[in-house]
């Protein structure tokens, strides 16, 4: 079957792209918040679920930090890309079963 494999490989590709992009922008965003001493309650690392929720919900915009937006916005997009990749990969596995 061609389609299940295509869906699975596309999902894995999107997941990989999101993960590698987040590896660049996620830690930079968290470090920027640390430097501004605004990371309280965000889990202590860029891979903490609290920090992911902070990015995904867009709460970084309330800080009104013009230097944070160019870092946090791509990190947010990459987290959503990872979520889409996870769903696509799971769907591909489901189609192959």
Protein backbone atom coordinates (compact mmCIF):
# COMPACT_ATOMS: atom_id res chain seq x y z
CA UNK A 1 0.00 0.00 0.00
CA UNK A 2 1.40 3.35 -1.06
CA UNK A 3 -0.80 5.87 0.80
CA UNK A 4 -0.26 4.67 4.38
CA UNK A 5 3.50 4.78 3.88
CA UNK A 6 3.30 8.24 2.34
CA UNK A 7 1.20 9.57 5.23
CA UNK A 8 3.56 7.99 7.77
CA UNK A 9 6.71 9.36 6.13
CA UNK A 10 5.18 12.82 5.68
CA UNK A 11 4.14 12.86 9.33
CA UNK A 12 7.63 11.85 10.40
CA UNK A 13 9.14 14.53 8.18
CA UNK A 14 6.90 17.24 9.61
CA UNK A 15 7.63 16.03 13.15
CA UNK A 16 11.37 16.10 12.49
CA UNK A 17 11.21 19.58 10.96
CA UNK A 18 9.26 20.89 13.94
CA UNK A 19 11.60 19.28 16.44
CA UNK A 20 14.78 20.57 14.83
CA UNK A 21 13.30 24.05 14.49
CA UNK A 22 12.27 24.02 18.13
CA UNK A 23 15.79 22.94 19.13
CA UNK A 24 16.95 26.25 17.70
CA UNK A 25 14.27 28.69 18.86
CA UNK A 26 12.97 27.10 22.08
CA UNK A 27 16.16 27.35 24.15
CA UNK A 28 16.86 30.83 22.75
CA UNK A 29 13.43 32.01 23.87
CA UNK A 30 13.82 30.49 27.30
CA UNK A 31 17.29 31.97 27.72
CA UNK A 32 15.98 35.39 26.75
CA UNK A 33 13.32 35.08 29.46
CA UNK A 34 16.00 34.02 31.95
CA UNK A 35 18.09 37.06 31.10
CA UNK A 36 15.06 39.29 31.67
CA UNK A 37 14.26 37.37 34.88
CA UNK A 38 10.76 36.61 33.59
CA UNK A 39 10.93 32.79 33.51
CA UNK A 40 9.39 32.22 36.96
CA UNK A 41 6.84 29.43 36.89
CA UNK A 42 7.85 28.15 33.45
CA UNK A 43 9.40 24.89 34.57
CA UNK A 44 13.10 25.74 34.62
CA UNK A 45 13.91 24.44 31.11
CA UNK A 46 12.84 25.01 27.53
CA UNK A 47 11.50 21.44 27.38
CA UNK A 48 9.18 21.75 30.39
CA UNK A 49 5.45 21.35 29.71
CA UNK A 50 4.79 24.65 31.49
CA UNK A 51 7.05 26.49 29.04
CA UNK A 52 5.41 24.73 26.09
CA UNK A 53 1.99 25.81 27.36
CA UNK A 54 3.34 29.36 27.77
CA UNK A 55 4.47 29.39 24.13
CA UNK A 56 1.50 27.59 22.61
CA UNK A 57 -0.98 29.89 24.29
CA UNK A 58 0.93 33.00 23.17
CA UNK A 59 1.25 34.40 26.68
CA UNK A 60 4.70 35.75 25.79
CA UNK A 61 2.96 38.58 23.92
CA UNK A 62 1.63 39.99 27.19
CA UNK A 63 5.22 40.73 28.26
CA UNK A 64 5.46 43.42 25.54
CA UNK A 65 9.10 42.47 24.89
CA UNK A 66 9.93 43.36 21.29
CA UNK A 67 13.11 41.29 21.40
CA UNK A 68 11.26 38.17 22.59
CA UNK A 69 8.67 38.09 19.80
CA UNK A 70 11.12 37.18 16.99
CA UNK A 71 12.36 34.24 19.11
CA UNK A 72 9.13 33.00 20.65
CA UNK A 73 6.96 33.17 17.54
CA UNK A 74 9.06 30.67 15.54
CA UNK A 75 9.29 28.46 18.65
CA UNK A 76 5.50 28.52 18.88
CA UNK A 77 5.15 27.65 15.19
CA UNK A 78 7.61 24.78 15.59
CA UNK A 79 5.67 23.39 18.57
CA UNK A 80 2.48 23.41 16.51
CA UNK A 81 4.42 21.80 13.66
CA UNK A 82 5.53 19.06 16.04
CA UNK A 83 1.92 18.53 17.13
CA UNK A 84 0.77 18.21 13.51
CA UNK A 85 3.64 15.79 12.83
CA UNK A 86 2.69 13.65 15.81
CA UNK A 87 -0.92 13.47 14.62
CA UNK A 88 0.18 12.67 11.07
CA UNK A 89 2.57 9.98 12.23
CA UNK A 90 -0.08 8.41 14.44
CA UNK A 91 -2.55 8.48 11.55
CA UNK A 92 0.02 6.86 9.27
CA UNK A 93 0.61 4.09 11.80
CA UNK A 94 -3.15 3.64 12.12
CA UNK A 95 -3.50 3.33 8.33
CA UNK A 96 -0.76 0.71 8.20
CA UNK A 97 -2.35 -1.43 10.91
